[in-house]
Amino acid sequence: MKKMSADSPIPFTSILDRFDSNLWAFHILVPEAVSKIFLDQGNARVVCTLNDTLSFQCALMPKGEGVYFININKKIRDELKLKLGMQVQASLVRDDSTYGLPMPEELRELLELDEEGDRLFHALTPGKQRNLLYIAGQPKTSDKRIERALVLVEHLKANGGKIDFKQLYHDLKANK
């Protein structure tokens, strides 16, 4: 049997399930043999493709007792018309991107222009960087993404490189 590598898509079948939790909701379980391939190579960040249709960057999340899952958000469920209990064809490949999420062009350009903002952003943990990338990339229009990027960078500068999520939420709302 050929040894599987995290560099090539590793397919599996799972069922869309739901946790009885306020923290996590819809997810698919990843077979232990599949998650082990990635985790043994030090990779929890993956690109998941569902039903050969939609690919997205995500993390293998620990459920406990060696079991891992992938969150499936509403946007993905709606796009693929997934319902609780449906079988899902999935494949995973190592995510070798810099941040584990796409860098919005508007934020990238701002960081290239703002040396202090760039330094503060890159001093954040990878998880905090992904939080900000997610926030910056949400708006549909470039103008809104520029506004978000400006608010995010100014927030970092005003807080000495720390993120106060409550204050950031207010800063973003005030900028609407």
Foldseek 3Di string as FASTA:
>chain_A
DDDDALADKDKDKWFFAADPDPPATTKTKDDLVVCCRQVVVVAQWKWKDKPVPDIAIFGFDDPDPSITITGDDPVNCVVVVHDGGDMIMMIIHGDPDPQSHDQPPLLVVVCVVDVVLVVLLVVDDSVVNVVLSCQLPPDPDPVLSNLSSVLVSVQCVVVVSDDDPVVSVVSSVVSD
